[in-house]
Structure formats: C-alpha cells, structure tokens
Amino acid sequence: MDLFRPDPALWRRHLCDVLGRDLTGDERRSMPSELPERICPARS
C-alpha cells in the first residue's frame, strides 16, 4: 500500500521552477537510478 505517490510531472515542473536547471552529477547520484537523463526542458 502506497501512502504517498507523487505525481512525476508535478515533481519535474516544481524541480525545474525551483532550481532553474537540471540536476548536477552529484545531485543525480543521490536520487533513484530510474530518473530520465534530462529532467528540465532546455531554456532558450
């Protein structure tokens, strides 16, 4: 039974809004391995 299931799209948008960039290598190593290679869309 999952008590907390975050919405991946909402998490992604929030992360990109707060950080304004993708994760660094060090940050990525502390996250689950199933993260996509690119989280935030490229900014123009």
PDB file of N, CA and C in Angstrom:
ATOM      1  N   MET A   1       0.842  -1.179   0.000  1.00  0.00           N
ATOM      2  CA  MET A   1       0.000   0.000   0.000  1.00  0.00           C
ATOM      3  C   MET A   1       0.883   1.235   0.000  1.00  0.00           C
ATOM      4  N   ASP A   2       0.694   2.105  -0.982  1.00  0.00           N
ATOM      5  CA  ASP A   2       1.435   3.360  -1.055  1.00  0.00           C
ATOM      6  C   ASP A   2       0.618   4.473  -0.411  1.00  0.00           C
ATOM      7  N   LEU A   3       1.199   5.116   0.567  1.00  0.00           N
ATOM      8  CA  LEU A   3       0.515   6.231   1.205  1.00  0.00           C
ATOM      9  C   LEU A   3       0.802   7.541   0.488  1.00  0.00           C
ATOM     10  N   PHE A   4       1.943   7.604  -0.166  1.00  0.00           N
ATOM     11  CA  PHE A   4       2.354   8.832  -0.829  1.00  0.00           C
ATOM     12  C   PHE A   4       2.862   8.502  -2.218  1.00  0.00           C
ATOM     13  N   ARG A   5       2.156   8.970  -3.227  1.00  0.00           N
ATOM     14  CA  ARG A   5       2.565   8.729  -4.612  1.00  0.00           C
ATOM     15  C   ARG A   5       2.666  10.079  -5.309  1.00  0.00           C
ATOM     16  N   PRO A   6       3.856  10.661  -5.374  1.00  0.00           N
ATOM     17  CA  PRO A   6       3.997  11.966  -6.024  1.00  0.00           C
ATOM     18  C   PRO A   6       3.732  11.867  -7.526  1.00  0.00           C
ATOM     19  N   ASP A   7       3.161  12.898  -8.058  1.00  0.00           N
ATOM     20  CA  ASP A   7       2.908  12.988  -9.495  1.00  0.00           C
ATOM     21  C   ASP A   7       4.233  13.354 -10.162  1.00  0.00           C
ATOM     22  N   PRO A   8       4.797  12.486 -11.019  1.00  0.00           N
ATOM     23  CA  PRO A   8       6.095  12.761 -11.639  1.00  0.00           C
ATOM     24  C   PRO A   8       6.124  14.066 -12.433  1.00  0.00           C
ATOM     25  N   ALA A   9       5.067  14.385 -13.138  1.00  0.00           N
ATOM     26  CA  ALA A   9       5.043  15.628 -13.923  1.00  0.00           C
ATOM     27  C   ALA A   9       5.060  16.846 -13.009  1.00  0.00           C
ATOM     28  N   LEU A  10       4.327  16.788 -11.920  1.00  0.00           N
ATOM     29  CA  LEU A  10       4.301  17.897 -10.967  1.00  0.00           C
ATOM     30  C   LEU A  10       5.667  18.047 -10.300  1.00  0.00           C
ATOM     31  N   TRP A  11       6.275  16.945  -9.901  1.00  0.00           N
ATOM     32  CA  TRP A  11       7.604  16.970  -9.286  1.00  0.00           C
ATOM     33  C   TRP A  11       8.622  17.583 -10.246  1.00  0.00           C
ATOM     34  N   ARG A  12       8.574  17.186 -11.499  1.00  0.00           N
ATOM     35  CA  ARG A  12       9.502  17.686 -12.518  1.00  0.00           C
ATOM     36  C   ARG A  12       9.350  19.196 -12.703  1.00  0.00           C
ATOM     37  N   ARG A  13       8.103  19.656 -12.837  1.00  0.00           N
ATOM     38  CA  ARG A  13       7.865  21.097 -13.013  1.00  0.00           C
ATOM     39  C   ARG A  13       8.354  21.881 -11.809  1.00  0.00           C
ATOM     40  N   HIS A  14       8.069  21.381 -10.614  1.00  0.00           N
ATOM     41  CA  HIS A  14       8.479  22.073  -9.393  1.00  0.00           C
ATOM     42  C   HIS A  14      10.008  22.120  -9.293  1.00  0.00           C
ATOM     43  N   LEU A  15      10.659  21.021  -9.559  1.00  0.00           N
ATOM     44  CA  LEU A  15      12.121  20.970  -9.514  1.00  0.00           C
ATOM     45  C   LEU A  15      12.731  21.976 -10.488  1.00  0.00           C
ATOM     46  N   CYS A  16      12.229  22.009 -11.695  1.00  0.00           N
ATOM     47  CA  CYS A  16      12.761  22.916 -12.710  1.00  0.00           C
ATOM     48  C   CYS A  16      12.469  24.372 -12.367  1.00  0.00           C
ATOM     49  N   ASP A  17      11.295  24.642 -11.803  1.00  0.00           N
ATOM     50  CA  ASP A  17      10.968  26.007 -11.398  1.00  0.00           C
ATOM     51  C   ASP A  17      11.872  26.485 -10.262  1.00  0.00           C
ATOM     52  N   VAL A  18      12.130  25.614  -9.304  1.00  0.00           N
ATOM     53  CA  VAL A  18      12.943  25.989  -8.145  1.00  0.00           C
ATOM     54  C   VAL A  18      14.418  26.103  -8.514  1.00  0.00           C
ATOM     55  N   LEU A  19      14.958  25.078  -9.171  1.00  0.00           N
ATOM     56  CA  LEU A  19      16.383  25.075  -9.487  1.00  0.00           C
ATOM     57  C   LEU A  19      16.707  25.880 -10.742  1.00  0.00           C
ATOM     58  N   GLY A  20      15.814  25.845 -11.710  1.00  0.00           N
ATOM     59  CA  GLY A  20      16.061  26.518 -12.978  1.00  0.00           C
ATOM     60  C   GLY A  20      17.090  25.810 -13.836  1.00  0.00           C
ATOM     61  N   ARG A  21      17.351  24.542 -13.545  1.00  0.00           N
ATOM     62  CA  ARG A  21      18.351  23.769 -14.285  1.00  0.00           C
ATOM     63  C   ARG A  21      18.136  22.288 -14.010  1.00  0.00           C
ATOM     64  N   ASP A  22      18.860  21.460 -14.760  1.00  0.00           N
ATOM     65  CA  ASP A  22      18.855  20.019 -14.487  1.00  0.00           C
ATOM     66  C   ASP A  22      19.717  19.726 -13.267  1.00  0.00           C
ATOM     67  N   LEU A  23      19.653  18.502 -12.805  1.00  0.00           N
ATOM     68  CA  LEU A  23      20.466  18.086 -11.660  1.00  0.00           C
ATOM     69  C   LEU A  23      21.934  17.949 -12.052  1.00  0.00           C
ATOM     70  N   THR A  24      22.814  18.239 -11.114  1.00  0.00           N
ATOM     71  CA  THR A  24      24.239  18.002 -11.336  1.00  0.00           C
ATOM     72  C   THR A  24      24.505  16.512 -11.149  1.00  0.00           C
ATOM     73  N   GLY A  25      25.699  16.072 -11.489  1.00  0.00           N
ATOM     74  CA  GLY A  25      26.067  14.667 -11.304  1.00  0.00           C
ATOM     75  C   GLY A  25      25.983  14.244  -9.850  1.00  0.00           C
ATOM     76  N   ASP A  26      26.453  15.092  -8.947  1.00  0.00           N
ATOM     77  CA  ASP A  26      26.389  14.777  -7.513  1.00  0.00           C
ATOM     78  C   ASP A  26      24.941  14.683  -7.026  1.00  0.00           C
ATOM     79  N   GLU A  27      24.099  15.614  -7.456  1.00  0.00           N
ATOM     80  CA  GLU A  27      22.687  15.577  -7.064  1.00  0.00           C
ATOM     81  C   GLU A  27      22.013  14.335  -7.621  1.00  0.00           C
ATOM     82  N   ARG A  28      22.327  13.986  -8.849  1.00  0.00           N
ATOM     83  CA  ARG A  28      21.725  12.827  -9.507  1.00  0.00           C
ATOM     84  C   ARG A  28      22.096  11.528  -8.792  1.00  0.00           C
ATOM     85  N   ARG A  29      23.324  11.444  -8.296  1.00  0.00           N
ATOM     86  CA  ARG A  29      23.756  10.224  -7.588  1.00  0.00           C
ATOM     87  C   ARG A  29      22.962   9.981  -6.307  1.00  0.00           C
ATOM     88  N   SER A  30      22.371  11.032  -5.734  1.00  0.00           N
ATOM     89  CA  SER A  30      21.591  10.860  -4.507  1.00  0.00           C
ATOM     90  C   SER A  30      20.124  10.537  -4.787  1.00  0.00           C
ATOM     91  N   MET A  31      19.749  10.471  -6.065  1.00  0.00           N
ATOM     92  CA  MET A  31      18.373  10.205  -6.459  1.00  0.00           C
ATOM     93  C   MET A  31      18.233   8.766  -6.967  1.00  0.00           C
ATOM     94  N   PRO A  32      16.983   8.298  -7.093  1.00  0.00           N
ATOM     95  CA  PRO A  32      16.768   6.956  -7.651  1.00  0.00           C
ATOM     96  C   PRO A  32      17.349   6.854  -9.060  1.00  0.00           C
ATOM     97  N   SER A  33      17.850   5.692  -9.407  1.00  0.00           N
ATOM     98  CA  SER A  33      18.532   5.491 -10.687  1.00  0.00           C
ATOM     99  C   SER A  33      17.597   5.545 -11.893  1.00  0.00           C
ATOM    100  N   GLU A  34      16.300   5.446 -11.691  1.00  0.00           N
ATOM    101  CA  GLU A  34      15.382   5.428 -12.825  1.00  0.00           C
ATOM    102  C   GLU A  34      15.007   6.821 -13.339  1.00  0.00           C
ATOM    103  N   LEU A  35      15.649   7.860 -12.851  1.00  0.00           N
ATOM    104  CA  LEU A  35      15.383   9.206 -13.362  1.00  0.00           C
ATOM    105  C   LEU A  35      15.788   9.308 -14.830  1.00  0.00           C
ATOM    106  N   PRO A  36      15.045  10.071 -15.607  1.00  0.00           N
ATOM    107  CA  PRO A  36      15.457  10.273 -17.001  1.00  0.00           C
ATOM    108  C   PRO A  36      16.744  11.076 -17.050  1.00  0.00           C
ATOM    109  N   GLU A  37      17.471  10.959 -18.142  1.00  0.00           N
ATOM    110  CA  GLU A  37      18.745  11.676 -18.294  1.00  0.00           C
ATOM    111  C   GLU A  37      18.539  13.185 -18.190  1.00  0.00           C
ATOM    112  N   ARG A  38      17.492  13.683 -18.813  1.00  0.00           N
ATOM    113  CA  ARG A  38      17.196  15.119 -18.788  1.00  0.00           C
ATOM    114  C   ARG A  38      15.853  15.311 -18.107  1.00  0.00           C
ATOM    115  N   ILE A  39      15.807  16.165 -17.098  1.00  0.00           N
ATOM    116  CA  ILE A  39      14.576  16.411 -16.354  1.00  0.00           C
ATOM    117  C   ILE A  39      13.918  17.717 -16.820  1.00  0.00           C
ATOM    118  N   CYS A  40      14.699  18.778 -16.872  1.00  0.00           N
ATOM    119  CA  CYS A  40      14.171  20.090 -17.240  1.00  0.00           C
ATOM    120  C   CYS A  40      14.329  20.317 -18.751  1.00  0.00           C
ATOM    121  N   PRO A  41      13.336  20.952 -19.349  1.00  0.00           N
ATOM    122  CA  PRO A  41      13.468  21.269 -20.777  1.00  0.00           C
ATOM    123  C   PRO A  41      14.552  22.326 -20.976  1.00  0.00           C
ATOM    124  N   ALA A  42      15.148  22.309 -22.142  1.00  0.00           N
ATOM    125  CA  ALA A  42      16.191  23.307 -22.456  1.00  0.00           C
ATOM    126  C   ALA A  42      15.553  24.680 -22.484  1.00  0.00           C
ATOM    127  N   ARG A  43      16.231  25.635 -21.893  1.00  0.00           N
ATOM    128  CA  ARG A  43      15.734  27.012 -21.885  1.00  0.00           C
ATOM    129  C   ARG A  43      16.317  27.762 -23.058  1.00  0.00           C
ATOM    130  N   SER A  44      15.509  28.589 -23.662  1.00  0.00           N
ATOM    131  CA  SER A  44      16.008  29.355 -24.802  1.00  0.00           C
ATOM    132  C   SER A  44      16.284  30.798 -24.432  1.00  0.00           C
TER     133      SER A  44
END
